[in-house]
Amino acid sequence: FSKHGFEVEHTPGIARSLIRIEGDGDQIIVTDEEGYDLPSSQGPFKVM
């Protein structure tokens, strides 16, 4: 993920995710299938 510009974002008590901020300020967010934690490196992945 880091090779593709993603960084870990952690909001204590809320969620951990991988995030990539695009040039226009849009954010690509990747989490586990529940949407609240970092995904396993094998997936599955929820992306928005």
All heavy atoms as atom14 arrays in JSON, in Angstrom:
{
  "sequence": "FSKHGFEVEHTPGIARSLIRIEGDGDQIIVTDEEGYDLPSSQGPFKVM",
  "atom14_mask": [
    [1, 1, 1, 1, 1, 1, 1, 1, 1, 1, 1, 0, 0, 0],
    [1, 1, 1, 1, 1, 1, 0, 0, 0, 0, 0, 0, 0, 0],
    [1, 1, 1, 1, 1, 1, 1, 1, 1, 0, 0, 0, 0, 0],
    [1, 1, 1, 1, 1, 1, 1, 1, 1, 1, 0, 0, 0, 0],
    [1, 1, 1, 1, 0, 0, 0, 0, 0, 0, 0, 0, 0, 0],
    [1, 1, 1, 1, 1, 1, 1, 1, 1, 1, 1, 0, 0, 0],
    [1, 1, 1, 1, 1, 1, 1, 1, 1, 0, 0, 0, 0, 0],
    [1, 1, 1, 1, 1, 1, 1, 0, 0, 0, 0, 0, 0, 0],
    [1, 1, 1, 1, 1, 1, 1, 1, 1, 0, 0, 0, 0, 0],
    [1, 1, 1, 1, 1, 1, 1, 1, 1, 1, 0, 0, 0, 0],
    [1, 1, 1, 1, 1, 1, 1, 0, 0, 0, 0, 0, 0, 0],
    [1, 1, 1, 1, 1, 1, 1, 0, 0, 0, 0, 0, 0, 0],
    [1, 1, 1, 1, 0, 0, 0, 0, 0, 0, 0, 0, 0, 0],
    [1, 1, 1, 1, 1, 1, 1, 1, 0, 0, 0, 0, 0, 0],
    [1, 1, 1, 1, 1, 0, 0, 0, 0, 0, 0, 0, 0, 0],
    [1, 1, 1, 1, 1, 1, 1, 1, 1, 1, 1, 0, 0, 0],
    [1, 1, 1, 1, 1, 1, 0, 0, 0, 0, 0, 0, 0, 0],
    [1, 1, 1, 1, 1, 1, 1, 1, 0, 0, 0, 0, 0, 0],
    [1, 1, 1, 1, 1, 1, 1, 1, 0, 0, 0, 0, 0, 0],
    [1, 1, 1, 1, 1, 1, 1, 1, 1, 1, 1, 0, 0, 0],
    [1, 1, 1, 1, 1, 1, 1, 1, 0, 0, 0, 0, 0, 0],
    [1, 1, 1, 1, 1, 1, 1, 1, 1, 0, 0, 0, 0, 0],
    [1, 1, 1, 1, 0, 0, 0, 0, 0, 0, 0, 0, 0, 0],
    [1, 1, 1, 1, 1, 1, 1, 1, 0, 0, 0, 0, 0, 0],
    [1, 1, 1, 1, 0, 0, 0, 0, 0, 0, 0, 0, 0, 0],
    [1, 1, 1, 1, 1, 1, 1, 1, 0, 0, 0, 0, 0, 0],
    [1, 1, 1, 1, 1, 1, 1, 1, 1, 0, 0, 0, 0, 0],
    [1, 1, 1, 1, 1, 1, 1, 1, 0, 0, 0, 0, 0, 0],
    [1, 1, 1, 1, 1, 1, 1, 1, 0, 0, 0, 0, 0, 0],
    [1, 1, 1, 1, 1, 1, 1, 0, 0, 0, 0, 0, 0, 0],
    [1, 1, 1, 1, 1, 1, 1, 0, 0, 0, 0, 0, 0, 0],
    [1, 1, 1, 1, 1, 1, 1, 1, 0, 0, 0, 0, 0, 0],
    [1, 1, 1, 1, 1, 1, 1, 1, 1, 0, 0, 0, 0, 0],
    [1, 1, 1, 1, 1, 1, 1, 1, 1, 0, 0, 0, 0, 0],
    [1, 1, 1, 1, 0, 0, 0, 0, 0, 0, 0, 0, 0, 0],
    [1, 1, 1, 1, 1, 1, 1, 1, 1, 1, 1, 1, 0, 0],
    [1, 1, 1, 1, 1, 1, 1, 1, 0, 0, 0, 0, 0, 0],
    [1, 1, 1, 1, 1, 1, 1, 1, 0, 0, 0, 0, 0, 0],
    [1, 1, 1, 1, 1, 1, 1, 0, 0, 0, 0, 0, 0, 0],
    [1, 1, 1, 1, 1, 1, 0, 0, 0, 0, 0, 0, 0, 0],
    [1, 1, 1, 1, 1, 1, 0, 0, 0, 0, 0, 0, 0, 0],
    [1, 1, 1, 1, 1, 1, 1, 1, 1, 0, 0, 0, 0, 0],
    [1, 1, 1, 1, 0, 0, 0, 0, 0, 0, 0, 0, 0, 0],
    [1, 1, 1, 1, 1, 1, 1, 0, 0, 0, 0, 0, 0, 0],
    [1, 1, 1, 1, 1, 1, 1, 1, 1, 1, 1, 0, 0, 0],
    [1, 1, 1, 1, 1, 1, 1, 1, 1, 0, 0, 0, 0, 0],
    [1, 1, 1, 1, 1, 1, 1, 0, 0, 0, 0, 0, 0, 0],
    [1, 1, 1, 1, 1, 1, 1, 1, 0, 0, 0, 0, 0, 0]
  ],
  "atom14_positions": [
    [[0.82, -1.2, 0.0], [0.0, 0.0, 0.0], [0.86, 1.26, 0.0], [0.55, 2.22, -0.7], [-0.96, 0.02, 1.19], [-2.13, -0.89, 1.01], [-2.12, -2.17, 1.53], [-3.25, -0.47, 0.31], [-3.21, -3.01, 1.36], [-4.33, -1.29, 0.13], [-4.31, -2.57, 0.66], [0.0, 0.0, 0.0], [0.0, 0.0, 0.0], [0.0, 0.0, 0.0]],
    [[1.92, 1.27, 0.79], [2.76, 2.47, 0.85], [3.41, 2.75, -0.51], [3.61, 3.91, -0.87], [3.8, 2.36, 1.96], [4.65, 1.28, 1.76], [0.0, 0.0, 0.0], [0.0, 0.0, 0.0], [0.0, 0.0, 0.0], [0.0, 0.0, 0.0], [0.0, 0.0, 0.0], [0.0, 0.0, 0.0], [0.0, 0.0, 0.0], [0.0, 0.0, 0.0]],
    [[3.7, 1.7, -1.28], [4.24, 1.88, -2.63], [3.28, 2.65, -3.52], [3.69, 3.27, -4.49], [4.52, 0.53, -3.27], [5.76, -0.16, -2.82], [5.9, -1.44, -3.6], [7.19, -2.13, -3.34], [7.3, -3.38, -4.09], [0.0, 0.0, 0.0], [0.0, 0.0, 0.0], [0.0, 0.0, 0.0], [0.0, 0.0, 0.0], [0.0, 0.0, 0.0]],
    [[2.0, 2.59, -3.2], [0.96, 3.25, -4.01], [0.42, 4.5, -3.32], [-0.67, 4.96, -3.64], [-0.15, 2.26, -4.32], [0.29, 1.19, -5.28], [0.32, 1.36, -6.63], [0.78, -0.05, -5.05], [0.78, 0.27, -7.21], [1.08, -0.6, -6.27], [0.0, 0.0, 0.0], [0.0, 0.0, 0.0], [0.0, 0.0, 0.0], [0.0, 0.0, 0.0]],
    [[1.19, 5.04, -2.38], [0.85, 6.33, -1.79], [-0.11, 6.3, -0.61], [-0.6, 7.35, -0.2], [0.0, 0.0, 0.0], [0.0, 0.0, 0.0], [0.0, 0.0, 0.0], [0.0, 0.0, 0.0], [0.0, 0.0, 0.0], [0.0, 0.0, 0.0], [0.0, 0.0, 0.0], [0.0, 0.0, 0.0], [0.0, 0.0, 0.0], [0.0, 0.0, 0.0]],
    [[-0.38, 5.13, -0.05], [-1.29, 5.03, 1.09], [-0.52, 5.18, 2.39], [0.61, 4.7, 2.52], [-2.03, 3.69, 1.09], [-3.09, 3.59, 0.04], [-2.78, 3.1, -1.22], [-4.39, 3.97, 0.31], [-3.76, 2.99, -2.2], [-5.37, 3.87, -0.66], [-5.06, 3.38, -1.91], [0.0, 0.0, 0.0], [0.0, 0.0, 0.0], [0.0, 0.0, 0.0]],
    [[-1.15, 5.83, 3.37], [-0.59, 5.97, 4.7], [-1.65, 5.53, 5.71], [-2.84, 5.61, 5.44], [-0.22, 7.43, 4.98], [0.88, 7.94, 4.08], [1.25, 9.38, 4.38], [0.7, 9.98, 5.33], [2.1, 9.91, 3.65], [0.0, 0.0, 0.0], [0.0, 0.0, 0.0], [0.0, 0.0, 0.0], [0.0, 0.0, 0.0], [0.0, 0.0, 0.0]],
    [[-1.17, 5.1, 6.88], [-2.1, 4.7, 7.95], [-2.68, 5.94, 8.6], [-1.95, 6.88, 8.93], [-1.4, 3.83, 9.0], [-2.32, 3.55, 10.19], [-0.92, 2.53, 8.38], [0.0, 0.0, 0.0], [0.0, 0.0, 0.0], [0.0, 0.0, 0.0], [0.0, 0.0, 0.0], [0.0, 0.0, 0.0], [0.0, 0.0, 0.0], [0.0, 0.0, 0.0]],
    [[-3.99, 5.95, 8.77], [-4.7, 7.0, 9.49], [-5.37, 6.35, 10.69], [-6.02, 5.32, 10.54], [-5.73, 7.66, 8.58], [-6.66, 8.57, 9.31], [-6.59, 9.99, 8.83], [-5.64, 10.35, 8.12], [-7.51, 10.73, 9.15], [0.0, 0.0, 0.0], [0.0, 0.0, 0.0], [0.0, 0.0, 0.0], [0.0, 0.0, 0.0], [0.0, 0.0, 0.0]],
    [[-5.21, 6.94, 11.86], [-5.79, 6.36, 13.07], [-6.55, 7.44, 13.84], [-5.97, 8.45, 14.21], [-4.69, 5.77, 13.95], [-5.2, 5.15, 15.21], [-4.47, 5.15, 16.37], [-6.36, 4.52, 15.5], [-5.16, 4.55, 17.32], [-6.3, 4.16, 16.82], [0.0, 0.0, 0.0], [0.0, 0.0, 0.0], [0.0, 0.0, 0.0], [0.0, 0.0, 0.0]],
    [[-7.83, 7.21, 14.03], [-8.65, 8.07, 14.87], [-8.96, 7.25, 16.11], [-9.79, 6.34, 16.05], [-9.95, 8.5, 14.15], [-9.6, 9.11, 12.9], [-10.75, 9.47, 15.0], [0.0, 0.0, 0.0], [0.0, 0.0, 0.0], [0.0, 0.0, 0.0], [0.0, 0.0, 0.0], [0.0, 0.0, 0.0], [0.0, 0.0, 0.0], [0.0, 0.0, 0.0]],
    [[-8.29, 7.52, 17.24], [-8.46, 6.7, 18.45], [-9.93, 6.52, 18.85], [-10.7, 7.48, 18.86], [-7.68, 7.47, 19.52], [-6.63, 8.21, 18.75], [-7.33, 8.6, 17.46], [0.0, 0.0, 0.0], [0.0, 0.0, 0.0], [0.0, 0.0, 0.0], [0.0, 0.0, 0.0], [0.0, 0.0, 0.0], [0.0, 0.0, 0.0], [0.0, 0.0, 0.0]],
    [[-10.28, 5.26, 19.11], [-11.64, 4.93, 19.51], [-12.64, 4.89, 18.38], [-13.81, 4.55, 18.58], [0.0, 0.0, 0.0], [0.0, 0.0, 0.0], [0.0, 0.0, 0.0], [0.0, 0.0, 0.0], [0.0, 0.0, 0.0], [0.0, 0.0, 0.0], [0.0, 0.0, 0.0], [0.0, 0.0, 0.0], [0.0, 0.0, 0.0], [0.0, 0.0, 0.0]],
    [[-12.21, 5.23, 17.17], [-13.13, 5.26, 16.03], [-12.71, 4.24, 14.97], [-13.42, 3.28, 14.72], [-13.18, 6.66, 15.37], [-13.5, 7.74, 16.39], [-14.16, 6.67, 14.21], [-14.93, 7.9, 16.77], [0.0, 0.0, 0.0], [0.0, 0.0, 0.0], [0.0, 0.0, 0.0], [0.0, 0.0, 0.0], [0.0, 0.0, 0.0], [0.0, 0.0, 0.0]],
    [[-11.56, 4.47, 14.33], [-11.17, 3.59, 13.23], [-9.69, 3.75, 12.89], [-9.06, 4.76, 13.22], [-12.0, 3.9, 11.99], [0.0, 0.0, 0.0], [0.0, 0.0, 0.0], [0.0, 0.0, 0.0], [0.0, 0.0, 0.0], [0.0, 0.0, 0.0], [0.0, 0.0, 0.0], [0.0, 0.0, 0.0], [0.0, 0.0, 0.0], [0.0, 0.0, 0.0]],
    [[-9.17, 2.73, 12.19], [-7.86, 2.78, 11.55], [-8.08, 2.44, 10.09], [-8.83, 1.53, 9.76], [-6.89, 1.78, 12.17], [-6.54, 2.08, 13.59], [-5.48, 1.16, 14.13], [-5.84, -0.25, 13.98], [-5.0, -1.26, 14.13], [-3.74, -1.03, 14.41], [-5.4, -2.5, 14.0], [0.0, 0.0, 0.0], [0.0, 0.0, 0.0], [0.0, 0.0, 0.0]],
    [[-7.42, 3.18, 9.22], [-7.59, 2.92, 7.79], [-6.32, 3.27, 7.06], [-5.4, 3.87, 7.61], [-8.75, 3.76, 7.23], [-8.48, 5.14, 7.39], [0.0, 0.0, 0.0], [0.0, 0.0, 0.0], [0.0, 0.0, 0.0], [0.0, 0.0, 0.0], [0.0, 0.0, 0.0], [0.0, 0.0, 0.0], [0.0, 0.0, 0.0], [0.0, 0.0, 0.0]],
    [[-6.29, 2.88, 5.8], [-5.24, 3.31, 4.89], [-5.85, 4.41, 4.04], [-6.99, 4.28, 3.57], [-4.78, 2.14, 4.01], [-4.1, 1.03, 4.78], [-4.04, -0.23, 3.94], [-2.7, 1.46, 5.19], [0.0, 0.0, 0.0], [0.0, 0.0, 0.0], [0.0, 0.0, 0.0], [0.0, 0.0, 0.0], [0.0, 0.0, 0.0], [0.0, 0.0, 0.0]],
    [[-5.13, 5.48, 3.84], [-5.69, 6.61, 3.11], [-4.67, 7.14, 2.11], [-3.47, 7.13, 2.37], [-6.13, 7.72, 4.09], [-6.86, 8.83, 3.37], [-4.97, 8.25, 4.88], [-7.55, 9.8, 4.3], [0.0, 0.0, 0.0], [0.0, 0.0, 0.0], [0.0, 0.0, 0.0], [0.0, 0.0, 0.0], [0.0, 0.0, 0.0], [0.0, 0.0, 0.0]],
    [[-5.18, 7.55, 0.96], [-4.36, 8.2, -0.06], [-5.09, 9.46, -0.48], [-6.25, 9.4, -0.87], [-4.15, 7.28, -1.26], [-3.26, 7.91, -2.33], [-2.94, 6.92, -3.41], [-3.84, 7.11, -4.52], [-3.76, 6.42, -5.65], [-2.86, 5.47, -5.79], [-4.61, 6.64, -6.63], [0.0, 0.0, 0.0], [0.0, 0.0, 0.0], [0.0, 0.0, 0.0]],
    [[-4.42, 10.59, -0.36], [-5.04, 11.85, -0.74], [-4.61, 12.18, -2.16], [-3.42, 12.26, -2.47], [-4.65, 12.97, 0.24], [-5.15, 12.59, 1.64], [-5.24, 14.31, -0.22], [-4.77, 13.52, 2.74], [0.0, 0.0, 0.0], [0.0, 0.0, 0.0], [0.0, 0.0, 0.0], [0.0, 0.0, 0.0], [0.0, 0.0, 0.0], [0.0, 0.0, 0.0]],
    [[-5.6, 12.35, -3.02], [-5.37, 12.64, -4.42], [-5.0, 14.12, -4.6], [-5.19, 14.93, -3.69], [-6.62, 12.32, -5.24], [-7.13, 10.89, -5.04], [-6.23, 9.85, -5.66], [-5.19, 9.51, -5.06], [-6.56, 9.37, -6.74], [0.0, 0.0, 0.0], [0.0, 0.0, 0.0], [0.0, 0.0, 0.0], [0.0, 0.0, 0.0], [0.0, 0.0, 0.0]],
    [[-4.53, 14.49, -5.77], [-4.12, 15.86, -6.06], [-5.23, 16.88, -5.87], [-4.96, 18.04, -5.52], [0.0, 0.0, 0.0], [0.0, 0.0, 0.0], [0.0, 0.0, 0.0], [0.0, 0.0, 0.0], [0.0, 0.0, 0.0], [0.0, 0.0, 0.0], [0.0, 0.0, 0.0], [0.0, 0.0, 0.0], [0.0, 0.0, 0.0], [0.0, 0.0, 0.0]],
    [[-6.49, 16.48, -6.08], [-7.61, 17.41, -5.94], [-8.19, 17.41, -4.53], [-9.19, 18.06, -4.26], [-8.71, 17.09, -6.94], [-9.26, 15.68, -6.8], [-8.83, 14.94, -5.89], [-10.14, 15.31, -7.61], [0.0, 0.0, 0.0], [0.0, 0.0, 0.0], [0.0, 0.0, 0.0], [0.0, 0.0, 0.0], [0.0, 0.0, 0.0], [0.0, 0.0, 0.0]],
    [[-7.55, 16.66, -3.62], [-8.01, 16.61, -2.23], [-8.95, 15.46, -1.92], [-9.28, 15.23, -0.76], [0.0, 0.0, 0.0], [0.0, 0.0, 0.0], [0.0, 0.0, 0.0], [0.0, 0.0, 0.0], [0.0, 0.0, 0.0], [0.0, 0.0, 0.0], [0.0, 0.0, 0.0], [0.0, 0.0, 0.0], [0.0, 0.0, 0.0], [0.0, 0.0, 0.0]],
    [[-9.41, 14.74, -2.96], [-10.24, 13.56, -2.71], [-9.42, 12.52, -1.96], [-8.19, 12.49, -2.07], [-10.75, 12.96, -4.02], [-11.75, 13.85, -4.72], [-12.22, 14.84, -4.12], [-12.07, 13.54, -5.89], [0.0, 0.0, 0.0], [0.0, 0.0, 0.0], [0.0, 0.0, 0.0], [0.0, 0.0, 0.0], [0.0, 0.0, 0.0], [0.0, 0.0, 0.0]],
    [[-10.1, 11.67, -1.19], [-9.42, 10.67, -0.38], [-9.87, 9.27, -0.78], [-11.06, 9.02, -0.87], [-9.75, 10.86, 1.09], [-9.4, 12.22, 1.62], [-9.96, 12.45, 3.0], [-10.04, 11.53, 3.81], [-10.35, 13.67, 3.29], [0.0, 0.0, 0.0], [0.0, 0.0, 0.0], [0.0, 0.0, 0.0], [0.0, 0.0, 0.0], [0.0, 0.0, 0.0]],
    [[-8.92, 8.39, -1.03], [-9.19, 6.97, -1.23], [-8.94, 6.31, 0.11], [-7.84, 6.42, 0.68], [-8.27, 6.35, -2.31], [-8.33, 7.14, -3.62], [-8.6, 4.88, -2.5], [-9.66, 7.13, -4.32], [0.0, 0.0, 0.0], [0.0, 0.0, 0.0], [0.0, 0.0, 0.0], [0.0, 0.0, 0.0], [0.0, 0.0, 0.0], [0.0, 0.0, 0.0]],
    [[-9.95, 5.62, 0.64], [-9.86, 5.01, 1.96], [-10.02, 3.5, 1.83], [-10.93, 3.03, 1.16], [-10.95, 5.59, 2.88], [-10.76, 7.1, 3.01], [-10.92, 4.9, 4.25], [-11.89, 7.82, 3.69], [0.0, 0.0, 0.0], [0.0, 0.0, 0.0], [0.0, 0.0, 0.0], [0.0, 0.0, 0.0], [0.0, 0.0, 0.0], [0.0, 0.0, 0.0]],
    [[-9.12, 2.76, 2.48], [-9.15, 1.3, 2.47], [-9.22, 0.8, 3.91], [-8.42, 1.23, 4.75], [-7.89, 0.72, 1.79], [-7.94, -0.8, 1.78], [-7.73, 1.26, 0.38], [0.0, 0.0, 0.0], [0.0, 0.0, 0.0], [0.0, 0.0, 0.0], [0.0, 0.0, 0.0], [0.0, 0.0, 0.0], [0.0, 0.0, 0.0], [0.0, 0.0, 0.0]],
    [[-10.18, -0.09, 4.17], [-10.33, -0.69, 5.5], [-10.55, -2.19, 5.36], [-10.62, -2.72, 4.25], [-11.54, -0.1, 6.27], [-12.74, -0.48, 5.59], [-11.44, 1.4, 6.4], [0.0, 0.0, 0.0], [0.0, 0.0, 0.0], [0.0, 0.0, 0.0], [0.0, 0.0, 0.0], [0.0, 0.0, 0.0], [0.0, 0.0, 0.0], [0.0, 0.0, 0.0]],
    [[-10.74, -2.84, 6.5], [-11.16, -4.24, 6.48], [-12.62, -4.29, 6.05], [-13.25, -3.25, 5.81], [-10.94, -4.9, 7.85], [-11.82, -4.32, 8.95], [-12.52, -3.3, 8.74], [-11.82, -4.9, 10.05], [0.0, 0.0, 0.0], [0.0, 0.0, 0.0], [0.0, 0.0, 0.0], [0.0, 0.0, 0.0], [0.0, 0.0, 0.0], [0.0, 0.0, 0.0]],
    [[-13.2, -5.47, 5.97], [-14.56, -5.6, 5.46], [-15.61, -4.95, 6.36], [-16.68, -4.59, 5.91], [-14.92, -7.06, 5.18], [-14.87, -7.96, 6.39], [-15.0, -9.41, 6.0], [-15.77, -9.73, 5.08], [-14.33, -10.24, 6.63], [0.0, 0.0, 0.0], [0.0, 0.0, 0.0], [0.0, 0.0, 0.0], [0.0, 0.0, 0.0], [0.0, 0.0, 0.0]],
    [[-15.29, -4.77, 7.64], [-16.24, -4.12, 8.56], [-16.18, -2.6, 8.44], [-17.1, -1.91, 8.87], [-15.94, -4.54, 10.0], [-16.05, -6.03, 10.24], [-17.44, -6.56, 10.0], [-18.41, -5.88, 10.37], [-17.56, -7.67, 9.43], [0.0, 0.0, 0.0], [0.0, 0.0, 0.0], [0.0, 0.0, 0.0], [0.0, 0.0, 0.0], [0.0, 0.0, 0.0]],
    [[-15.07, -2.07, 7.91], [-14.96, -0.64, 7.71], [-14.36, 0.14, 8.86], [-14.38, 1.37, 8.84], [0.0, 0.0, 0.0], [0.0, 0.0, 0.0], [0.0, 0.0, 0.0], [0.0, 0.0, 0.0], [0.0, 0.0, 0.0], [0.0, 0.0, 0.0], [0.0, 0.0, 0.0], [0.0, 0.0, 0.0], [0.0, 0.0, 0.0], [0.0, 0.0, 0.0]],
    [[-13.82, -0.55, 9.87], [-13.31, 0.16, 11.05], [-11.86, -0.11, 11.39], [-11.34, 0.46, 12.35], [-14.16, -0.19, 12.28], [-15.59, 0.21, 12.12], [-16.57, -0.73, 11.85], [-15.95, 1.55, 12.21], [-17.89, -0.34, 11.68], [-17.27, 1.94, 12.05], [-18.23, 0.99, 11.79], [-19.53, 1.37, 11.61], [0.0, 0.0, 0.0], [0.0, 0.0, 0.0]],
    [[-11.19, -0.99, 10.64], [-9.82, -1.34, 11.0], [-8.98, -1.56, 9.75], [-9.5, -1.66, 8.64], [-9.8, -2.6, 11.87], [-8.58, -2.68, 12.77], [-7.69, -1.79, 12.69], [-8.5, -3.63, 13.56], [0.0, 0.0, 0.0], [0.0, 0.0, 0.0], [0.0, 0.0, 0.0], [0.0, 0.0, 0.0], [0.0, 0.0, 0.0], [0.0, 0.0, 0.0]],
    [[-7.68, -1.64, 9.95], [-6.77, -1.92, 8.84], [-7.06, -3.31, 8.29], [-7.34, -4.23, 9.07], [-5.32, -1.86, 9.32], [-4.84, -0.49, 9.8], [-3.45, -0.62, 10.42], [-4.83, 0.5, 8.66], [0.0, 0.0, 0.0], [0.0, 0.0, 0.0], [0.0, 0.0, 0.0], [0.0, 0.0, 0.0], [0.0, 0.0, 0.0], [0.0, 0.0, 0.0]],
    [[-6.99, -3.46, 6.99], [-7.23, -4.79, 6.42], [-6.01, -5.69, 6.59], [-4.89, -5.21, 6.73], [-7.46, -4.48, 4.94], [-6.64, -3.25, 4.7], [-6.73, -2.45, 5.97], [0.0, 0.0, 0.0], [0.0, 0.0, 0.0], [0.0, 0.0, 0.0], [0.0, 0.0, 0.0], [0.0, 0.0, 0.0], [0.0, 0.0, 0.0], [0.0, 0.0, 0.0]],
    [[-6.26, -6.99, 6.54], [-5.18, -7.96, 6.44], [-4.51, -7.73, 5.09], [-5.16, -7.31, 4.13], [-5.76, -9.37, 6.51], [-4.87, -10.3, 5.97], [0.0, 0.0, 0.0], [0.0, 0.0, 0.0], [0.0, 0.0, 0.0], [0.0, 0.0, 0.0], [0.0, 0.0, 0.0], [0.0, 0.0, 0.0], [0.0, 0.0, 0.0], [0.0, 0.0, 0.0]],
    [[-3.24, -8.02, 4.99], [-2.55, -7.84, 3.71], [-3.1, -8.76, 2.63], [-2.91, -8.51, 1.45], [-1.05, -8.05, 3.89], [-0.79, -9.35, 4.37], [0.0, 0.0, 0.0], [0.0, 0.0, 0.0], [0.0, 0.0, 0.0], [0.0, 0.0, 0.0], [0.0, 0.0, 0.0], [0.0, 0.0, 0.0], [0.0, 0.0, 0.0], [0.0, 0.0, 0.0]],
    [[-3.83, -9.82, 3.02], [-4.45, -10.73, 2.07], [-5.88, -10.35, 1.74], [-6.53, -11.0, 0.93], [-4.43, -12.17, 2.61], [-3.18, -12.94, 2.27], [-1.96, -12.42, 2.99], [-2.0, -12.16, 4.18], [-0.87, -12.27, 2.28], [0.0, 0.0, 0.0], [0.0, 0.0, 0.0], [0.0, 0.0, 0.0], [0.0, 0.0, 0.0], [0.0, 0.0, 0.0]],
    [[-6.42, -9.31, 2.39], [-7.8, -8.91, 2.13], [-8.75, -9.66, 3.04], [-8.32, -10.38, 3.94], [0.0, 0.0, 0.0], [0.0, 0.0, 0.0], [0.0, 0.0, 0.0], [0.0, 0.0, 0.0], [0.0, 0.0, 0.0], [0.0, 0.0, 0.0], [0.0, 0.0, 0.0], [0.0, 0.0, 0.0], [0.0, 0.0, 0.0], [0.0, 0.0, 0.0]],
    [[-10.03, -9.49, 2.86], [-10.67, -8.64, 1.87], [-10.52, -7.16, 2.24], [-10.17, -6.81, 3.36], [-12.13, -9.07, 1.93], [-12.33, -9.56, 3.31], [-11.0, -10.15, 3.73], [0.0, 0.0, 0.0], [0.0, 0.0, 0.0], [0.0, 0.0, 0.0], [0.0, 0.0, 0.0], [0.0, 0.0, 0.0], [0.0, 0.0, 0.0], [0.0, 0.0, 0.0]],
    [[-10.81, -6.31, 1.24], [-10.64, -4.88, 1.38], [-11.94, -4.16, 1.06], [-12.6, -4.48, 0.08], [-9.57, -4.37, 0.4], [-8.28, -5.12, 0.46], [-8.0, -6.14, -0.44], [-7.33, -4.8, 1.42], [-6.8, -6.83, -0.39], [-6.12, -5.49, 1.48], [-5.85, -6.5, 0.57], [0.0, 0.0, 0.0], [0.0, 0.0, 0.0], [0.0, 0.0, 0.0]],
    [[-12.27, -3.16, 1.85], [-13.38, -2.25, 1.53], [-12.75, -0.93, 1.12], [-11.9, -0.4, 1.83], [-14.29, -2.04, 2.73], [-15.5, -1.17, 2.41], [-16.37, -0.96, 3.63], [-17.28, -2.15, 3.82], [-18.28, -1.93, 4.88], [0.0, 0.0, 0.0], [0.0, 0.0, 0.0], [0.0, 0.0, 0.0], [0.0, 0.0, 0.0], [0.0, 0.0, 0.0]],
    [[-13.14, -0.42, -0.06], [-12.53, 0.79, -0.6], [-13.63, 1.79, -0.96], [-14.68, 1.42, -1.48], [-11.71, 0.46, -1.87], [-11.04, 1.7, -2.42], [-10.69, -0.62, -1.59], [0.0, 0.0, 0.0], [0.0, 0.0, 0.0], [0.0, 0.0, 0.0], [0.0, 0.0, 0.0], [0.0, 0.0, 0.0], [0.0, 0.0, 0.0], [0.0, 0.0, 0.0]],
    [[-13.35, 3.05, -0.67], [-14.27, 4.12, -1.06], [-13.49, 5.37, -1.37], [-12.33, 5.52, -0.97], [-15.31, 4.37, 0.02], [-14.76, 4.92, 1.31], [-15.98, 4.97, 2.61], [-15.87, 3.31, 3.22], [0.0, 0.0, 0.0], [0.0, 0.0, 0.0], [0.0, 0.0, 0.0], [0.0, 0.0, 0.0], [0.0, 0.0, 0.0], [0.0, 0.0, 0.0]]
  ]
}
